[in-house]
PDB file of N, CA and C in Angstrom:
ATOM      1  N   MET A   1      24.284 -39.452 -50.851  1.00  0.00           N
ATOM      2  CA  MET A   1      23.595 -38.819 -49.744  1.00  0.00           C
ATOM      3  C   MET A   1      22.106 -39.059 -49.893  1.00  0.00           C
ATOM      4  N   LYS A   2      21.469 -39.437 -48.790  1.00  0.00           N
ATOM      5  CA  LYS A   2      20.039 -39.684 -48.820  1.00  0.00           C
ATOM      6  C   LYS A   2      19.286 -38.368 -48.990  1.00  0.00           C
ATOM      7  N   ASN A   3      18.125 -38.480 -49.527  1.00  0.00           N
ATOM      8  CA  ASN A   3      17.288 -37.312 -49.738  1.00  0.00           C
ATOM      9  C   ASN A   3      16.512 -37.031 -48.449  1.00  0.00           C
ATOM     10  N   LYS A   4      17.066 -36.165 -47.594  1.00  0.00           N
ATOM     11  CA  LYS A   4      16.430 -35.844 -46.323  1.00  0.00           C
ATOM     12  C   LYS A   4      15.585 -34.589 -46.479  1.00  0.00           C
ATOM     13  N   LYS A   5      14.474 -34.585 -45.730  1.00  0.00           N
ATOM     14  CA  LYS A   5      13.654 -33.391 -45.720  1.00  0.00           C
ATOM     15  C   LYS A   5      14.248 -32.439 -44.684  1.00  0.00           C
ATOM     16  N   LEU A   6      14.521 -31.216 -45.087  1.00  0.00           N
ATOM     17  CA  LEU A   6      15.093 -30.233 -44.185  1.00  0.00           C
ATOM     18  C   LEU A   6      13.994 -29.614 -43.332  1.00  0.00           C
ATOM     19  N   ASN A   7      14.270 -29.504 -42.048  1.00  0.00           N
ATOM     20  CA  ASN A   7      13.323 -28.909 -41.116  1.00  0.00           C
ATOM     21  C   ASN A   7      13.746 -27.466 -40.863  1.00  0.00           C
ATOM     22  N   LEU A   8      13.308 -26.579 -41.722  1.00  0.00           N
ATOM     23  CA  LEU A   8      13.673 -25.172 -41.615  1.00  0.00           C
ATOM     24  C   LEU A   8      12.690 -24.439 -40.708  1.00  0.00           C
ATOM     25  N   VAL A   9      13.210 -23.490 -39.943  1.00  0.00           N
ATOM     26  CA  VAL A   9      12.368 -22.677 -39.067  1.00  0.00           C
ATOM     27  C   VAL A   9      12.548 -21.217 -39.442  1.00  0.00           C
ATOM     28  N   ASP A  10      11.516 -20.418 -39.149  1.00  0.00           N
ATOM     29  CA  ASP A  10      11.595 -18.987 -39.418  1.00  0.00           C
ATOM     30  C   ASP A  10      12.486 -18.313 -38.395  1.00  0.00           C
ATOM     31  N   PHE A  11      13.269 -17.349 -38.853  1.00  0.00           N
ATOM     32  CA  PHE A  11      14.184 -16.609 -38.007  1.00  0.00           C
ATOM     33  C   PHE A  11      14.035 -15.131 -38.354  1.00  0.00           C
ATOM     34  N   PRO A  12      13.170 -14.403 -37.636  1.00  0.00           N
ATOM     35  CA  PRO A  12      12.931 -12.995 -37.995  1.00  0.00           C
ATOM     36  C   PRO A  12      14.037 -12.069 -37.483  1.00  0.00           C
ATOM     37  N   ILE A  13      14.477 -11.182 -38.339  1.00  0.00           N
ATOM     38  CA  ILE A  13      15.424 -10.121 -37.976  1.00  0.00           C
ATOM     39  C   ILE A  13      14.841  -8.831 -38.522  1.00  0.00           C
ATOM     40  N   LEU A  14      14.489  -7.946 -37.600  1.00  0.00           N
ATOM     41  CA  LEU A  14      13.820  -6.694 -37.937  1.00  0.00           C
ATOM     42  C   LEU A  14      12.577  -6.992 -38.780  1.00  0.00           C
ATOM     43  N   SER A  15      12.517  -6.524 -40.009  1.00  0.00           N
ATOM     44  CA  SER A  15      11.309  -6.728 -40.819  1.00  0.00           C
ATOM     45  C   SER A  15      11.444  -7.887 -41.802  1.00  0.00           C
ATOM     46  N   ARG A  16      12.563  -8.607 -41.769  1.00  0.00           N
ATOM     47  CA  ARG A  16      12.777  -9.703 -42.713  1.00  0.00           C
ATOM     48  C   ARG A  16      12.701 -11.041 -41.988  1.00  0.00           C
ATOM     49  N   LYS A  17      12.288 -12.066 -42.722  1.00  0.00           N
ATOM     50  CA  LYS A  17      12.261 -13.430 -42.201  1.00  0.00           C
ATOM     51  C   LYS A  17      13.239 -14.277 -43.007  1.00  0.00           C
ATOM     52  N   TYR A  18      14.022 -15.045 -42.293  1.00  0.00           N
ATOM     53  CA  TYR A  18      14.970 -15.963 -42.921  1.00  0.00           C
ATOM     54  C   TYR A  18      14.606 -17.382 -42.513  1.00  0.00           C
ATOM     55  N   LYS A  19      15.048 -18.333 -43.274  1.00  0.00           N
ATOM     56  CA  LYS A  19      14.894 -19.747 -42.947  1.00  0.00           C
ATOM     57  C   LYS A  19      16.248 -20.269 -42.499  1.00  0.00           C
ATOM     58  N   THR A  20      16.244 -21.074 -41.435  1.00  0.00           N
ATOM     59  CA  THR A  20      17.502 -21.613 -40.932  1.00  0.00           C
ATOM     60  C   THR A  20      17.292 -23.025 -40.400  1.00  0.00           C
ATOM     61  N   LEU A  21      18.376 -23.760 -40.276  1.00  0.00           N
ATOM     62  CA  LEU A  21      18.350 -25.090 -39.670  1.00  0.00           C
ATOM     63  C   LEU A  21      18.769 -24.973 -38.210  1.00  0.00           C
ATOM     64  N   LEU A  22      18.143 -25.759 -37.346  1.00  0.00           N
ATOM     65  CA  LEU A  22      18.526 -25.784 -35.943  1.00  0.00           C
ATOM     66  C   LEU A  22      19.597 -26.837 -35.740  1.00  0.00           C
ATOM     67  N   THR A  23      20.555 -26.557 -34.882  1.00  0.00           N
ATOM     68  CA  THR A  23      21.675 -27.463 -34.654  1.00  0.00           C
ATOM     69  C   THR A  23      21.284 -28.616 -33.736  1.00  0.00           C
ATOM     70  N   THR A  24      22.113 -29.635 -33.700  1.00  0.00           N
ATOM     71  CA  THR A  24      21.922 -30.756 -32.789  1.00  0.00           C
ATOM     72  C   THR A  24      21.987 -30.270 -31.347  1.00  0.00           C
ATOM     73  N   LYS A  25      22.868 -29.333 -31.073  1.00  0.00           N
ATOM     74  CA  LYS A  25      22.983 -28.771 -29.728  1.00  0.00           C
ATOM     75  C   LYS A  25      21.667 -28.123 -29.305  1.00  0.00           C
ATOM     76  N   HIS A  26      21.021 -27.434 -30.221  1.00  0.00           N
ATOM     77  CA  HIS A  26      19.727 -26.808 -29.921  1.00  0.00           C
ATOM     78  C   HIS A  26      18.677 -27.863 -29.585  1.00  0.00           C
ATOM     79  N   HIS A  27      18.642 -28.943 -30.334  1.00  0.00           N
ATOM     80  CA  HIS A  27      17.651 -29.994 -30.103  1.00  0.00           C
ATOM     81  C   HIS A  27      17.907 -30.769 -28.812  1.00  0.00           C
ATOM     82  N   SER A  28      19.152 -30.878 -28.371  1.00  0.00           N
ATOM     83  CA  SER A  28      19.468 -31.685 -27.191  1.00  0.00           C
ATOM     84  C   SER A  28      19.571 -30.870 -25.903  1.00  0.00           C
ATOM     85  N   ARG A  29      19.286 -29.580 -25.964  1.00  0.00           N
ATOM     86  CA  ARG A  29      19.392 -28.750 -24.763  1.00  0.00           C
ATOM     87  C   ARG A  29      18.290 -29.091 -23.767  1.00  0.00           C
ATOM     88  N   LYS A  30      18.558 -28.781 -22.488  1.00  0.00           N
ATOM     89  CA  LYS A  30      17.563 -29.008 -21.441  1.00  0.00           C
ATOM     90  C   LYS A  30      16.488 -27.938 -21.542  1.00  0.00           C
ATOM     91  N   PRO A  31      15.237 -28.322 -21.395  1.00  0.00           N
ATOM     92  CA  PRO A  31      14.181 -27.311 -21.428  1.00  0.00           C
ATOM     93  C   PRO A  31      14.239 -26.449 -20.157  1.00  0.00           C
ATOM     94  N   TYR A  32      13.845 -25.191 -20.285  1.00  0.00           N
ATOM     95  CA  TYR A  32      13.856 -24.279 -19.149  1.00  0.00           C
ATOM     96  C   TYR A  32      12.781 -24.679 -18.151  1.00  0.00           C
ATOM     97  N   VAL A  33      13.154 -24.703 -16.884  1.00  0.00           N
ATOM     98  CA  VAL A  33      12.216 -24.971 -15.799  1.00  0.00           C
ATOM     99  C   VAL A  33      12.319 -23.796 -14.838  1.00  0.00           C
ATOM    100  N   ALA A  34      11.196 -23.156 -14.563  1.00  0.00           N
ATOM    101  CA  ALA A  34      11.194 -22.009 -13.650  1.00  0.00           C
ATOM    102  C   ALA A  34      11.643 -22.467 -12.262  1.00  0.00           C
ATOM    103  N   PRO A  35      12.503 -21.695 -11.591  1.00  0.00           N
ATOM    104  CA  PRO A  35      12.974 -22.106 -10.269  1.00  0.00           C
ATOM    105  C   PRO A  35      11.855 -22.088  -9.237  1.00  0.00           C
ATOM    106  N   ASN A  36      11.911 -23.031  -8.311  1.00  0.00           N
ATOM    107  CA  ASN A  36      10.966 -23.085  -7.201  1.00  0.00           C
ATOM    108  C   ASN A  36      11.548 -22.217  -6.087  1.00  0.00           C
ATOM    109  N   LEU A  37      10.861 -21.160  -5.712  1.00  0.00           N
ATOM    110  CA  LEU A  37      11.380 -20.224  -4.718  1.00  0.00           C
ATOM    111  C   LEU A  37      11.444 -20.826  -3.318  1.00  0.00           C
ATOM    112  N   ASN A  38      10.781 -21.948  -3.096  1.00  0.00           N
ATOM    113  CA  ASN A  38      10.812 -22.597  -1.783  1.00  0.00           C
ATOM    114  C   ASN A  38      11.952 -23.605  -1.659  1.00  0.00           C
ATOM    115  N   GLU A  39      12.784 -23.711  -2.660  1.00  0.00           N
ATOM    116  CA  GLU A  39      13.926 -24.624  -2.627  1.00  0.00           C
ATOM    117  C   GLU A  39      15.222 -23.823  -2.707  1.00  0.00           C
ATOM    118  N   ILE A  40      16.167 -24.160  -1.844  1.00  0.00           N
ATOM    119  CA  ILE A  40      17.492 -23.539  -1.890  1.00  0.00           C
ATOM    120  C   ILE A  40      18.459 -24.593  -2.397  1.00  0.00           C
ATOM    121  N   LYS A  41      19.060 -24.297  -3.556  1.00  0.00           N
ATOM    122  CA  LYS A  41      20.023 -25.215  -4.173  1.00  0.00           C
ATOM    123  C   LYS A  41      21.410 -24.604  -4.111  1.00  0.00           C
ATOM    124  N   SER A  42      22.405 -25.465  -4.124  1.00  0.00           N
ATOM    125  CA  SER A  42      23.791 -25.018  -4.111  1.00  0.00           C
ATOM    126  C   SER A  42      24.121 -24.371  -5.450  1.00  0.00           C
ATOM    127  N   TYR A  43      24.706 -23.205  -5.412  1.00  0.00           N
ATOM    128  CA  TYR A  43      25.087 -22.536  -6.656  1.00  0.00           C
ATOM    129  C   TYR A  43      26.546 -22.787  -7.001  1.00  0.00           C
ATOM    130  N   ILE A  44      27.253 -23.521  -6.118  1.00  0.00           N
ATOM    131  CA  ILE A  44      28.659 -23.840  -6.342  1.00  0.00           C
ATOM    132  C   ILE A  44      28.966 -25.155  -5.607  1.00  0.00           C
ATOM    133  N   PRO A  45      29.834 -26.014  -6.139  1.00  0.00           N
ATOM    134  CA  PRO A  45      30.181 -27.233  -5.402  1.00  0.00           C
ATOM    135  C   PRO A  45      30.998 -26.902  -4.164  1.00  0.00           C
ATOM    136  N   GLY A  46      30.840 -27.686  -3.120  1.00  0.00           N
ATOM    137  CA  GLY A  46      31.595 -27.431  -1.893  1.00  0.00           C
ATOM    138  C   GLY A  46      31.225 -28.394  -0.782  1.00  0.00           C
ATOM    139  N   THR A  47      31.595 -28.023   0.438  1.00  0.00           N
ATOM    140  CA  THR A  47      31.368 -28.842   1.620  1.00  0.00           C
ATOM    141  C   THR A  47      30.543 -28.059   2.638  1.00  0.00           C
ATOM    142  N   ILE A  48      29.561 -28.727   3.243  1.00  0.00           N
ATOM    143  CA  ILE A  48      28.755 -28.097   4.280  1.00  0.00           C
ATOM    144  C   ILE A  48      29.594 -28.087   5.559  1.00  0.00           C
ATOM    145  N   ILE A  49      29.868 -26.892   6.084  1.00  0.00           N
ATOM    146  CA  ILE A  49      30.719 -26.743   7.262  1.00  0.00           C
ATOM    147  C   ILE A  49      29.906 -26.691   8.545  1.00  0.00           C
ATOM    148  N   LYS A  50      28.848 -25.889   8.570  1.00  0.00           N
ATOM    149  CA  LYS A  50      28.096 -25.674   9.808  1.00  0.00           C
ATOM    150  C   LYS A  50      26.630 -25.484   9.503  1.00  0.00           C
ATOM    151  N   MET A  51      25.765 -26.157  10.250  1.00  0.00           N
ATOM    152  CA  MET A  51      24.319 -25.957  10.171  1.00  0.00           C
ATOM    153  C   MET A  51      23.943 -24.938  11.240  1.00  0.00           C
ATOM    154  N   LYS A  52      23.266 -23.873  10.858  1.00  0.00           N
ATOM    155  CA  LYS A  52      22.856 -22.827  11.799  1.00  0.00           C
ATOM    156  C   LYS A  52      21.374 -22.901  12.137  1.00  0.00           C
ATOM    157  N   ALA A  53      20.591 -23.663  11.366  1.00  0.00           N
ATOM    158  CA  ALA A  53      19.150 -23.755  11.593  1.00  0.00           C
ATOM    159  C   ALA A  53      18.736 -25.221  11.644  1.00  0.00           C
ATOM    160  N   LYS A  54      17.588 -25.451  12.227  1.00  0.00           N
ATOM    161  CA  LYS A  54      17.042 -26.805  12.332  1.00  0.00           C
ATOM    162  C   LYS A  54      15.684 -26.854  11.642  1.00  0.00           C
ATOM    163  N   VAL A  55      15.230 -28.068  11.350  1.00  0.00           N
ATOM    164  CA  VAL A  55      13.915 -28.258  10.746  1.00  0.00           C
ATOM    165  C   VAL A  55      12.859 -27.703  11.697  1.00  0.00           C
ATOM    166  N   GLY A  56      11.912 -26.959  11.145  1.00  0.00           N
ATOM    167  CA  GLY A  56      10.840 -26.371  11.944  1.00  0.00           C
ATOM    168  C   GLY A  56      11.140 -24.967  12.443  1.00  0.00           C
ATOM    169  N   ALA A  57      12.380 -24.505  12.277  1.00  0.00           N
ATOM    170  CA  ALA A  57      12.759 -23.170  12.751  1.00  0.00           C
ATOM    171  C   ALA A  57      12.094 -22.102  11.879  1.00  0.00           C
ATOM    172  N   LYS A  58      11.574 -21.069  12.534  1.00  0.00           N
ATOM    173  CA  LYS A  58      11.003 -19.925  11.821  1.00  0.00           C
ATOM    174  C   LYS A  58      12.081 -18.866  11.735  1.00  0.00           C
ATOM    175  N   LEU A  59      12.451 -18.515  10.514  1.00  0.00           N
ATOM    176  CA  LEU A  59      13.535 -17.574  10.287  1.00  0.00           C
ATOM    177  C   LEU A  59      13.048 -16.351   9.532  1.00  0.00           C
ATOM    178  N   LYS A  60      13.755 -15.263   9.720  1.00  0.00           N
ATOM    179  CA  LYS A  60      13.480 -14.021   9.009  1.00  0.00           C
ATOM    180  C   LYS A  60      14.376 -13.948   7.779  1.00  0.00           C
ATOM    181  N   GLU A  61      14.010 -13.111   6.842  1.00  0.00           N
ATOM    182  CA  GLU A  61      14.821 -12.896   5.653  1.00  0.00           C
ATOM    183  C   GLU A  61      16.216 -12.436   6.055  1.00  0.00           C
ATOM    184  N   GLY A  62      17.243 -13.084   5.513  1.00  0.00           N
ATOM    185  CA  GLY A  62      18.627 -12.724   5.803  1.00  0.00           C
ATOM    186  C   GLY A  62      19.270 -13.543   6.909  1.00  0.00           C
ATOM    187  N   ASP A  63      18.471 -14.313   7.677  1.00  0.00           N
ATOM    188  CA  ASP A  63      19.052 -15.187   8.703  1.00  0.00           C
ATOM    189  C   ASP A  63      19.877 -16.283   8.038  1.00  0.00           C
ATOM    190  N   ILE A  64      20.972 -16.684   8.681  1.00  0.00           N
ATOM    191  CA  ILE A  64      21.866 -17.702   8.124  1.00  0.00           C
ATOM    192  C   ILE A  64      21.293 -19.095   8.382  1.00  0.00           C
ATOM    193  N   ILE A  65      21.194 -19.898   7.326  1.00  0.00           N
ATOM    194  CA  ILE A  65      20.709 -21.274   7.438  1.00  0.00           C
ATOM    195  C   ILE A  65      21.878 -22.229   7.625  1.00  0.00           C
ATOM    196  N   LEU A  66      22.921 -22.058   6.799  1.00  0.00           N
ATOM    197  CA  LEU A  66      24.094 -22.925   6.881  1.00  0.00           C
ATOM    198  C   LEU A  66      25.292 -22.216   6.270  1.00  0.00           C
ATOM    199  N   ILE A  67      26.460 -22.800   6.505  1.00  0.00           N
ATOM    200  CA  ILE A  67      27.698 -22.265   5.932  1.00  0.00           C
ATOM    201  C   ILE A  67      28.300 -23.350   5.045  1.00  0.00           C
ATOM    202  N   GLN A  68      28.616 -22.960   3.820  1.00  0.00           N
ATOM    203  CA  GLN A  68      29.197 -23.879   2.834  1.00  0.00           C
ATOM    204  C   GLN A  68      30.588 -23.376   2.459  1.00  0.00           C
ATOM    205  N   GLU A  69      31.571 -24.260   2.523  1.00  0.00           N
ATOM    206  CA  GLU A  69      32.938 -23.910   2.128  1.00  0.00           C
ATOM    207  C   GLU A  69      33.131 -24.344   0.682  1.00  0.00           C
ATOM    208  N   ALA A  70      33.640 -23.397  -0.113  1.00  0.00           N
ATOM    209  CA  ALA A  70      33.931 -23.687  -1.513  1.00  0.00           C
ATOM    210  C   ALA A  70      35.144 -22.868  -1.922  1.00  0.00           C
ATOM    211  N   MET A  71      36.149 -23.518  -2.463  1.00  0.00           N
ATOM    212  CA  MET A  71      37.376 -22.860  -2.919  1.00  0.00           C
ATOM    213  C   MET A  71      37.993 -22.007  -1.796  1.00  0.00           C
ATOM    214  N   LYS A  72      38.051 -22.558  -0.592  1.00  0.00           N
ATOM    215  CA  LYS A  72      38.644 -21.928   0.594  1.00  0.00           C
ATOM    216  C   LYS A  72      37.899 -20.666   1.044  1.00  0.00           C
ATOM    217  N   MET A  73      36.660 -20.518   0.608  1.00  0.00           N
ATOM    218  CA  MET A  73      35.838 -19.389   1.052  1.00  0.00           C
ATOM    219  C   MET A  73      34.613 -19.934   1.773  1.00  0.00           C
ATOM    220  N   MET A  74      34.203 -19.249   2.839  1.00  0.00           N
ATOM    221  CA  MET A  74      33.018 -19.635   3.585  1.00  0.00           C
ATOM    222  C   MET A  74      31.830 -18.837   3.057  1.00  0.00           C
ATOM    223  N   ASN A  75      30.844 -19.535   2.522  1.00  0.00           N
ATOM    224  CA  ASN A  75      29.660 -18.900   1.958  1.00  0.00           C
ATOM    225  C   ASN A  75      28.485 -19.084   2.911  1.00  0.00           C
ATOM    226  N   GLN A  76      27.879 -17.987   3.306  1.00  0.00           N
ATOM    227  CA  GLN A  76      26.706 -18.045   4.166  1.00  0.00           C
ATOM    228  C   GLN A  76      25.475 -18.207   3.281  1.00  0.00           C
ATOM    229  N   ILE A  77      24.728 -19.270   3.517  1.00  0.00           N
ATOM    230  CA  ILE A  77      23.479 -19.488   2.786  1.00  0.00           C
ATOM    231  C   ILE A  77      22.381 -18.895   3.662  1.00  0.00           C
ATOM    232  N   LYS A  78      21.752 -17.840   3.158  1.00  0.00           N
ATOM    233  CA  LYS A  78      20.789 -17.082   3.952  1.00  0.00           C
ATOM    234  C   LYS A  78      19.362 -17.341   3.498  1.00  0.00           C
ATOM    235  N   MET A  79      18.447 -17.059   4.390  1.00  0.00           N
ATOM    236  CA  MET A  79      17.021 -17.193   4.134  1.00  0.00           C
ATOM    237  C   MET A  79      16.603 -16.121   3.113  1.00  0.00           C
ATOM    238  N   PRO A  80      15.976 -16.513   2.002  1.00  0.00           N
ATOM    239  CA  PRO A  80      15.606 -15.536   0.977  1.00  0.00           C
ATOM    240  C   PRO A  80      14.375 -14.695   1.349  1.00  0.00           C
ATOM    241  N   PHE A  81      13.554 -15.206   2.259  1.00  0.00           N
ATOM    242  CA  PHE A  81      12.343 -14.509   2.713  1.00  0.00           C
ATOM    243  C   PHE A  81      11.932 -15.097   4.060  1.00  0.00           C
ATOM    244  N   ASP A  82      11.014 -14.437   4.760  1.00  0.00           N
ATOM    245  CA  ASP A  82      10.528 -14.961   6.039  1.00  0.00           C
ATOM    246  C   ASP A  82       9.822 -16.295   5.797  1.00  0.00           C
ATOM    247  N   GLY A  83      10.096 -17.276   6.657  1.00  0.00           N
ATOM    248  CA  GLY A  83       9.463 -18.575   6.479  1.00  0.00           C
ATOM    249  C   GLY A  83       9.932 -19.582   7.505  1.00  0.00           C
ATOM    250  N   LYS A  84       9.502 -20.812   7.302  1.00  0.00           N
ATOM    251  CA  LYS A  84       9.798 -21.913   8.216  1.00  0.00           C
ATOM    252  C   LYS A  84      10.541 -22.997   7.441  1.00  0.00           C
ATOM    253  N   ILE A  85      11.574 -23.559   8.053  1.00  0.00           N
ATOM    254  CA  ILE A  85      12.355 -24.630   7.423  1.00  0.00           C
ATOM    255  C   ILE A  85      11.524 -25.906   7.451  1.00  0.00           C
ATOM    256  N   LYS A  86      11.182 -26.400   6.275  1.00  0.00           N
ATOM    257  CA  LYS A  86      10.385 -27.624   6.166  1.00  0.00           C
ATOM    258  C   LYS A  86      11.281 -28.862   6.196  1.00  0.00           C
ATOM    259  N   GLU A  87      12.411 -28.776   5.477  1.00  0.00           N
ATOM    260  CA  GLU A  87      13.288 -29.938   5.363  1.00  0.00           C
ATOM    261  C   GLU A  87      14.713 -29.486   5.069  1.00  0.00           C
ATOM    262  N   ILE A  88      15.687 -30.151   5.699  1.00  0.00           N
ATOM    263  CA  ILE A  88      17.107 -29.915   5.418  1.00  0.00           C
ATOM    264  C   ILE A  88      17.659 -31.210   4.839  1.00  0.00           C
ATOM    265  N   LEU A  89      18.208 -31.136   3.645  1.00  0.00           N
ATOM    266  CA  LEU A  89      18.620 -32.332   2.916  1.00  0.00           C
ATOM    267  C   LEU A  89      20.129 -32.527   2.879  1.00  0.00           C
ATOM    268  N   VAL A  90      20.877 -31.779   3.686  1.00  0.00           N
ATOM    269  CA  VAL A  90      22.329 -31.924   3.775  1.00  0.00           C
ATOM    270  C   VAL A  90      22.725 -32.029   5.239  1.00  0.00           C
ATOM    271  N   SER A  91      23.953 -32.455   5.473  1.00  0.00           N
ATOM    272  CA  SER A  91      24.463 -32.546   6.845  1.00  0.00           C
ATOM    273  C   SER A  91      25.889 -32.016   6.882  1.00  0.00           C
ATOM    274  N   GLU A  92      26.359 -31.689   8.064  1.00  0.00           N
ATOM    275  CA  GLU A  92      27.715 -31.150   8.220  1.00  0.00           C
ATOM    276  C   GLU A  92      28.740 -32.150   7.701  1.00  0.00           C
ATOM    277  N   GLY A  93      29.720 -31.657   6.973  1.00  0.00           N
ATOM    278  CA  GLY A  93      30.776 -32.494   6.420  1.00  0.00           C
ATOM    279  C   GLY A  93      30.447 -33.086   5.056  1.00  0.00           C
ATOM    280  N   GLU A  94      29.225 -32.939   4.599  1.00  0.00           N
ATOM    281  CA  GLU A  94      28.817 -33.508   3.306  1.00  0.00           C
ATOM    282  C   GLU A  94      29.340 -32.661   2.153  1.00  0.00           C
ATOM    283  N   ARG A  95      29.891 -33.327   1.152  1.00  0.00           N
ATOM    284  CA  ARG A  95      30.348 -32.650  -0.071  1.00  0.00           C
ATOM    285  C   ARG A  95      29.191 -32.681  -1.064  1.00  0.00           C
ATOM    286  N   ILE A  96      28.901 -31.538  -1.655  1.00  0.00           N
ATOM    287  CA  ILE A  96      27.779 -31.455  -2.579  1.00  0.00           C
ATOM    288  C   ILE A  96      28.227 -30.828  -3.901  1.00  0.00           C
ATOM    289  N   LEU A  97      27.453 -31.084  -4.936  1.00  0.00           N
ATOM    290  CA  LEU A  97      27.720 -30.539  -6.266  1.00  0.00           C
ATOM    291  C   LEU A  97      26.866 -29.303  -6.515  1.00  0.00           C
ATOM    292  N   LYS A  98      27.175 -28.605  -7.565  1.00  0.00           N
ATOM    293  CA  LYS A  98      26.368 -27.460  -7.986  1.00  0.00           C
ATOM    294  C   LYS A  98      24.960 -27.948  -8.313  1.00  0.00           C
ATOM    295  N   GLY A  99      23.952 -27.204  -7.852  1.00  0.00           N
ATOM    296  CA  GLY A  99      22.566 -27.553  -8.125  1.00  0.00           C
ATOM    297  C   GLY A  99      21.957 -28.539  -7.148  1.00  0.00           C
ATOM    298  N   HIS A 100      22.717 -28.961  -6.126  1.00  0.00           N
ATOM    299  CA  HIS A 100      22.219 -29.911  -5.128  1.00  0.00           C
ATOM    300  C   HIS A 100      21.155 -29.232  -4.269  1.00  0.00           C
ATOM    301  N   LEU A 101      20.007 -29.874  -4.090  1.00  0.00           N
ATOM    302  CA  LEU A 101      18.938 -29.326  -3.253  1.00  0.00           C
ATOM    303  C   LEU A 101      19.351 -29.438  -1.785  1.00  0.00           C
ATOM    304  N   MET A 102      19.447 -28.288  -1.094  1.00  0.00           N
ATOM    305  CA  MET A 102      19.903 -28.276   0.287  1.00  0.00           C
ATOM    306  C   MET A 102      18.776 -28.100   1.296  1.00  0.00           C
ATOM    307  N   VAL A 103      17.864 -27.153   1.029  1.00  0.00           N
ATOM    308  CA  VAL A 103      16.830 -26.802   2.000  1.00  0.00           C
ATOM    309  C   VAL A 103      15.510 -26.564   1.292  1.00  0.00           C
ATOM    310  N   ILE A 104      14.415 -27.000   1.943  1.00  0.00           N
ATOM    311  CA  ILE A 104      13.066 -26.701   1.450  1.00  0.00           C
ATOM    312  C   ILE A 104      12.388 -25.832   2.503  1.00  0.00           C
ATOM    313  N   ILE A 105      11.763 -24.747   2.047  1.00  0.00           N
ATOM    314  CA  ILE A 105      11.120 -23.775   2.931  1.00  0.00           C
ATOM    315  C   ILE A 105       9.612 -23.846   2.746  1.00  0.00           C
ATOM    316  N   GLU A 106       8.882 -23.693   3.857  1.00  0.00           N
ATOM    317  CA  GLU A 106       7.414 -23.629   3.773  1.00  0.00           C
ATOM    318  C   GLU A 106       6.991 -22.217   3.491  1.00  0.00           C
TER     319      GLU A 106
END
């Protein structure tokens, strides 16, 4: 076995500090990115069934933007706050994956 230098990190528990090794999974994880509140992404894979809003439409909080079918359920994607639709990146009949960017709000 080669003589490798161990990269130990401090791990505090209450008033004690321990040294530990970080796993490969820890090193390869995606870094956290704060969500952009002006972007609406799909939280579940599915199919876009109906568009209820158009680009440039001024909507109030709670107004329906589109309907997405997933696992035989119709999910209403609603406006999170008052605003104007800047861009719609999906179309009716399109199948999308989880995390797909659907709408951008101004």
